[in-house]
């Protein structure tokens, strides 16, 4: 297994507060910690795991501010 493949299969655990968004397409988002981003390869990535015990399979989104976030629907935020 290549080094990048091993990193992609690594489990990262972190706690963050939801950031409320204004707009119709998403309810809120979770900011991905910088220490996690430093360990990930660049480019498009999907996040598979759990958010409050609910299974997720979401893409890490880029914001204009340079932050990386995971968008969370209203149903998932509950």
C-alpha atoms as a PDB file:
ATOM      1  CA  UNK A   1       0.000   0.000   0.000  1.00  0.00           C
ATOM      2  CA  UNK A   2       1.413   3.392  -1.006  1.00  0.00           C
ATOM      3  CA  UNK A   3       1.883   6.119   1.587  1.00  0.00           C
ATOM      4  CA  UNK A   4      -0.961   8.252   0.176  1.00  0.00           C
ATOM      5  CA  UNK A   5      -3.325   5.255   0.250  1.00  0.00           C
ATOM      6  CA  UNK A   6      -2.452   4.620   3.905  1.00  0.00           C
ATOM      7  CA  UNK A   7      -3.180   8.257   4.781  1.00  0.00           C
ATOM      8  CA  UNK A   8      -6.538   8.090   3.007  1.00  0.00           C
ATOM      9  CA  UNK A   9      -7.505   5.098   5.146  1.00  0.00           C
ATOM     10  CA  UNK A  10      -6.502   6.804   8.402  1.00  0.00           C
ATOM     11  CA  UNK A  11      -9.164   7.620  10.983  1.00  0.00           C
ATOM     12  CA  UNK A  12      -9.263  11.213  12.207  1.00  0.00           C
ATOM     13  CA  UNK A  13     -11.350  12.134  15.246  1.00  0.00           C
ATOM     14  CA  UNK A  14     -12.266  15.697  16.110  1.00  0.00           C
ATOM     15  CA  UNK A  15     -15.063  17.749  17.645  1.00  0.00           C
ATOM     16  CA  UNK A  16     -16.309  20.975  16.119  1.00  0.00           C
ATOM     17  CA  UNK A  17     -19.320  23.214  16.494  1.00  0.00           C
ATOM     18  CA  UNK A  18     -21.600  23.557  13.508  1.00  0.00           C
ATOM     19  CA  UNK A  19     -21.300  26.841  11.618  1.00  0.00           C
ATOM     20  CA  UNK A  20     -24.705  28.129  10.533  1.00  0.00           C
ATOM     21  CA  UNK A  21     -24.945  29.181   6.888  1.00  0.00           C
ATOM     22  CA  UNK A  22     -27.336  31.605   5.287  1.00  0.00           C
ATOM     23  CA  UNK A  23     -28.724  30.308   2.010  1.00  0.00           C
ATOM     24  CA  UNK A  24     -31.097  27.769   0.598  1.00  0.00           C
ATOM     25  CA  UNK A  25     -28.703  25.000  -0.432  1.00  0.00           C
ATOM     26  CA  UNK A  26     -27.215  24.091   2.949  1.00  0.00           C
ATOM     27  CA  UNK A  27     -28.108  24.514   6.588  1.00  0.00           C
ATOM     28  CA  UNK A  28     -24.684  24.485   8.240  1.00  0.00           C
ATOM     29  CA  UNK A  29     -21.142  23.193   7.896  1.00  0.00           C
ATOM     30  CA  UNK A  30     -18.306  21.731   9.942  1.00  0.00           C
ATOM     31  CA  UNK A  31     -14.868  23.313   9.640  1.00  0.00           C
ATOM     32  CA  UNK A  32     -12.191  20.653   9.059  1.00  0.00           C
ATOM     33  CA  UNK A  33      -9.290  21.231  11.516  1.00  0.00           C
ATOM     34  CA  UNK A  34      -5.996  22.466  10.070  1.00  0.00           C
ATOM     35  CA  UNK A  35      -4.047  19.622  11.727  1.00  0.00           C
ATOM     36  CA  UNK A  36      -6.180  17.108   9.793  1.00  0.00           C
ATOM     37  CA  UNK A  37      -5.804  18.996   6.502  1.00  0.00           C
ATOM     38  CA  UNK A  38      -2.007  19.021   6.823  1.00  0.00           C
ATOM     39  CA  UNK A  39      -2.014  15.213   6.825  1.00  0.00           C
ATOM     40  CA  UNK A  40      -4.263  14.859   3.768  1.00  0.00           C
ATOM     41  CA  UNK A  41      -3.200  15.027   0.124  1.00  0.00           C
ATOM     42  CA  UNK A  42      -4.310  18.011  -1.942  1.00  0.00           C
ATOM     43  CA  UNK A  43      -7.152  17.849  -4.416  1.00  0.00           C
ATOM     44  CA  UNK A  44     -10.703  16.594  -4.147  1.00  0.00           C
ATOM     45  CA  UNK A  45     -11.401  14.297  -1.241  1.00  0.00           C
ATOM     46  CA  UNK A  46     -14.448  12.510   0.092  1.00  0.00           C
ATOM     47  CA  UNK A  47     -15.033  12.000   3.765  1.00  0.00           C
ATOM     48  CA  UNK A  48     -16.532   8.688   4.852  1.00  0.00           C
ATOM     49  CA  UNK A  49     -17.419   8.117   8.460  1.00  0.00           C
ATOM     50  CA  UNK A  50     -19.870   9.221  11.091  1.00  0.00           C
ATOM     51  CA  UNK A  51     -21.270  12.529  12.274  1.00  0.00           C
ATOM     52  CA  UNK A  52     -23.123  12.175  15.574  1.00  0.00           C
ATOM     53  CA  UNK A  53     -23.420   8.421  14.949  1.00  0.00           C
ATOM     54  CA  UNK A  54     -25.028   9.014  11.521  1.00  0.00           C
ATOM     55  CA  UNK A  55     -23.089   7.592   8.544  1.00  0.00           C
ATOM     56  CA  UNK A  56     -21.810  10.193   6.067  1.00  0.00           C
ATOM     57  CA  UNK A  57     -20.119  10.173   2.666  1.00  0.00           C
ATOM     58  CA  UNK A  58     -19.448  13.825   1.828  1.00  0.00           C
ATOM     59  CA  UNK A  59     -16.892  15.869  -0.083  1.00  0.00           C
ATOM     60  CA  UNK A  60     -14.616  18.379   1.612  1.00  0.00           C
ATOM     61  CA  UNK A  61     -15.614  21.761   0.164  1.00  0.00           C
ATOM     62  CA  UNK A  62     -13.378  24.801  -0.321  1.00  0.00           C
ATOM     63  CA  UNK A  63     -14.583  28.231   0.835  1.00  0.00           C
ATOM     64  CA  UNK A  64     -13.410  31.563  -0.577  1.00  0.00           C
ATOM     65  CA  UNK A  65     -11.660  32.203   2.744  1.00  0.00           C
ATOM     66  CA  UNK A  66      -9.407  29.175   2.165  1.00  0.00           C
ATOM     67  CA  UNK A  67     -11.108  27.104   4.838  1.00  0.00           C
ATOM     68  CA  UNK A  68     -12.169  23.532   4.144  1.00  0.00           C
ATOM     69  CA  UNK A  69     -15.609  22.503   5.327  1.00  0.00           C
ATOM     70  CA  UNK A  70     -18.075  19.640   5.166  1.00  0.00           C
ATOM     71  CA  UNK A  71     -21.618  20.754   4.359  1.00  0.00           C
ATOM     72  CA  UNK A  72     -24.297  19.408   6.699  1.00  0.00           C
ATOM     73  CA  UNK A  73     -28.007  19.249   5.918  1.00  0.00           C
ATOM     74  CA  UNK A  74     -30.645  20.264   8.433  1.00  0.00           C
ATOM     75  CA  UNK A  75     -31.707  16.630   8.896  1.00  0.00           C
ATOM     76  CA  UNK A  76     -28.135  15.493   9.545  1.00  0.00           C
ATOM     77  CA  UNK A  77     -27.471  18.370  11.968  1.00  0.00           C
ATOM     78  CA  UNK A  78     -30.215  17.129  14.284  1.00  0.00           C
END
